[in-house]
Amino acid sequence: MLQRKSTAVWRGSGLEGSGELNSQSGALKGLPYTFSGRFISPDGKAGTNPEELIGAAHAGCFAMQLAVDLSQAGLIPDELRVSANVKLEKEEGGFTIAGIHLELEGRVRGVEPSKFQAFADAAKKNCPVSRALASTPITLSARLL
């Protein structure tokens, strides 16, 4: 079994306080986050937030799963570029992640667009982060370059 650990420390009230995130690998080290950075900053650049981190994790996991699947079929990708758009909505009881849209652009020699789409669909279904987020609607657009 593989385990990875991340920690969050929050200080102060929910609206005026602040937190920091740390990860076992050190990739996140004292990464700040705040309420205003999450909900008020119109450009999203005032600090990170959980939705952004979920998006990064999902994009990375999906790209790796797709690369593994393609490689096992003898198709080595030159490049897979994935973005994850995480949609946060306010509902009656609070905020919820209402959906995630994965956008894929890939350069893979020797694969037809329809086969590339089939590989992408399978990776979306089977990557561990997609599985963990199974109750969230996940959509995908894939384009072979």
Protein backbone atom coordinates (compact mmCIF):
# COMPACT_ATOMS: atom_id res chain seq x y z
CA MET A 1 0.00 0.00 0.00
CA LEU A 2 1.21 3.47 -0.89
CA GLN A 3 0.44 6.43 1.37
CA ARG A 4 1.14 10.14 0.97
CA LYS A 5 0.56 12.79 3.60
CA SER A 6 -0.24 16.48 3.37
CA THR A 7 -1.06 18.85 6.21
CA ALA A 8 -2.98 22.07 6.63
CA VAL A 9 -2.62 24.54 9.50
CA TRP A 10 -5.21 27.32 9.92
CA ARG A 11 -4.86 30.28 12.26
CA GLY A 12 -7.63 32.74 13.11
CA SER A 13 -11.24 33.11 12.06
CA GLY A 14 -12.64 31.63 8.89
CA LEU A 15 -12.95 34.98 7.12
CA GLU A 16 -9.87 36.84 8.35
CA GLY A 17 -7.56 33.96 9.23
CA SER A 18 -5.04 32.25 7.05
CA GLY A 19 -3.59 28.84 6.52
CA GLU A 20 -0.63 27.05 5.06
CA LEU A 21 -0.32 23.75 3.27
CA ASN A 22 2.58 21.30 3.37
CA SER A 23 3.17 18.04 1.56
CA GLN A 24 5.36 15.06 2.33
CA SER A 25 7.40 15.58 -0.84
CA GLY A 26 8.08 19.22 -0.01
CA ALA A 27 6.40 20.41 -3.21
CA LEU A 28 4.02 22.32 -0.96
CA LYS A 29 5.95 24.00 1.80
CA GLY A 30 4.22 26.72 3.75
CA LEU A 31 1.93 27.41 0.79
CA PRO A 32 -0.48 30.14 2.00
CA TYR A 33 -4.22 30.16 1.52
CA THR A 34 -7.00 32.45 2.77
CA PHE A 35 -10.74 32.95 2.47
CA SER A 36 -10.30 36.07 0.36
CA GLY A 37 -7.86 34.29 -1.93
CA ARG A 38 -10.41 31.55 -2.41
CA PHE A 39 -13.65 33.50 -2.78
CA ILE A 40 -12.96 37.20 -3.27
CA SER A 41 -9.90 37.53 -5.53
CA PRO A 42 -11.44 37.96 -9.01
CA ASP A 43 -8.36 36.77 -10.90
CA GLY A 44 -7.68 33.84 -8.56
CA LYS A 45 -4.07 34.92 -8.04
CA ALA A 46 -4.23 35.96 -4.36
CA GLY A 47 -3.17 32.49 -3.23
CA THR A 48 -4.02 28.89 -3.75
CA ASN A 49 -7.23 27.14 -2.73
CA PRO A 50 -8.45 23.56 -2.37
CA GLU A 51 -10.24 23.59 -5.75
CA GLU A 52 -7.09 24.65 -7.58
CA LEU A 53 -5.14 21.89 -5.87
CA ILE A 54 -7.81 19.30 -6.72
CA GLY A 55 -7.62 20.48 -10.32
CA ALA A 56 -3.84 20.15 -10.40
CA ALA A 57 -4.01 16.69 -8.84
CA HIS A 58 -6.69 15.58 -11.29
CA ALA A 59 -4.90 16.95 -14.37
CA GLY A 60 -1.63 15.32 -13.30
CA CYS A 61 -3.20 11.98 -12.47
CA PHE A 62 -5.20 11.88 -15.71
CA ALA A 63 -2.14 12.76 -17.83
CA MET A 64 -0.05 10.08 -16.16
CA GLN A 65 -2.79 7.44 -16.53
CA LEU A 66 -3.20 8.29 -20.20
CA ALA A 67 0.57 8.15 -20.79
CA VAL A 68 0.76 4.72 -19.13
CA ASP A 69 -2.20 3.41 -21.15
CA LEU A 70 -0.83 4.72 -24.44
CA SER A 71 2.67 3.39 -23.68
CA GLN A 72 1.31 -0.07 -22.91
CA ALA A 73 -0.19 -0.02 -26.41
CA GLY A 74 3.17 0.94 -27.92
CA LEU A 75 2.20 4.59 -28.42
CA ILE A 76 4.62 6.94 -26.68
CA PRO A 77 3.17 10.43 -26.30
CA ASP A 78 5.36 13.36 -27.33
CA GLU A 79 3.24 15.63 -25.14
CA LEU A 80 -0.02 15.52 -23.22
CA ARG A 81 -1.26 18.92 -22.05
CA VAL A 82 -4.18 18.74 -19.61
CA SER A 83 -6.09 21.43 -17.79
CA ALA A 84 -8.77 20.78 -15.19
CA ASN A 85 -11.49 23.38 -14.70
CA VAL A 86 -13.04 22.83 -11.26
CA LYS A 87 -16.46 24.44 -10.88
CA LEU A 88 -17.41 25.55 -7.36
CA GLU A 89 -21.04 26.53 -6.75
CA LYS A 90 -22.93 27.82 -3.75
CA GLU A 91 -25.85 25.64 -2.82
CA GLU A 92 -28.30 25.59 0.07
CA GLY A 93 -25.99 24.24 2.80
CA GLY A 94 -22.73 25.63 1.47
CA PHE A 95 -20.36 25.37 -1.43
CA THR A 96 -19.88 22.24 -3.49
CA ILE A 97 -17.68 21.13 -6.35
CA ALA A 98 -20.32 20.93 -9.06
CA GLY A 99 -18.14 19.54 -11.82
CA ILE A 100 -14.72 19.18 -13.35
CA HIS A 101 -13.93 19.59 -17.03
CA LEU A 102 -10.69 18.07 -18.31
CA GLU A 103 -9.26 19.59 -21.48
CA LEU A 104 -6.65 17.50 -23.25
CA GLU A 105 -4.38 18.33 -26.15
CA GLY A 106 -2.01 15.59 -27.18
CA ARG A 107 0.77 14.87 -29.59
CA VAL A 108 0.98 11.13 -30.11
CA ARG A 109 2.40 9.74 -33.33
CA GLY A 110 0.70 6.74 -34.90
CA VAL A 111 -2.73 7.01 -33.29
CA GLU A 112 -6.00 7.89 -35.01
CA PRO A 113 -8.18 10.59 -33.41
CA SER A 114 -10.97 8.13 -32.54
CA LYS A 115 -8.51 5.76 -30.85
CA PHE A 116 -6.94 8.70 -28.99
CA GLN A 117 -10.41 9.66 -27.75
CA ALA A 118 -11.02 6.09 -26.57
CA PHE A 119 -7.74 6.10 -24.63
CA ALA A 120 -8.63 9.50 -23.12
CA ASP A 121 -12.09 8.31 -22.09
CA ALA A 122 -10.61 5.24 -20.40
CA ALA A 123 -7.99 7.30 -18.55
CA LYS A 124 -10.70 9.71 -17.33
CA LYS A 125 -12.64 6.77 -15.95
CA ASN A 126 -9.70 4.90 -14.46
CA CYS A 127 -7.25 7.41 -13.01
CA PRO A 128 -7.26 7.24 -9.19
CA VAL A 129 -8.29 10.87 -8.74
CA SER A 130 -11.28 10.43 -11.08
CA ARG A 131 -12.25 7.37 -9.06
CA ALA A 132 -11.97 9.33 -5.80
CA LEU A 133 -14.18 12.06 -7.27
CA ALA A 134 -16.73 9.64 -8.74
CA SER A 135 -19.69 11.51 -7.23
CA THR A 136 -18.63 14.66 -9.13
CA PRO A 137 -19.61 15.08 -12.79
CA ILE A 138 -16.41 14.89 -14.86
CA THR A 139 -16.41 15.85 -18.54
CA LEU A 140 -13.62 15.66 -21.09
CA SER A 141 -12.68 17.27 -24.36
CA ALA A 142 -9.73 15.72 -26.19
CA ARG A 143 -7.89 16.96 -29.22
CA LEU A 144 -5.06 15.29 -31.03
CA LEU A 145 -2.55 17.79 -32.41
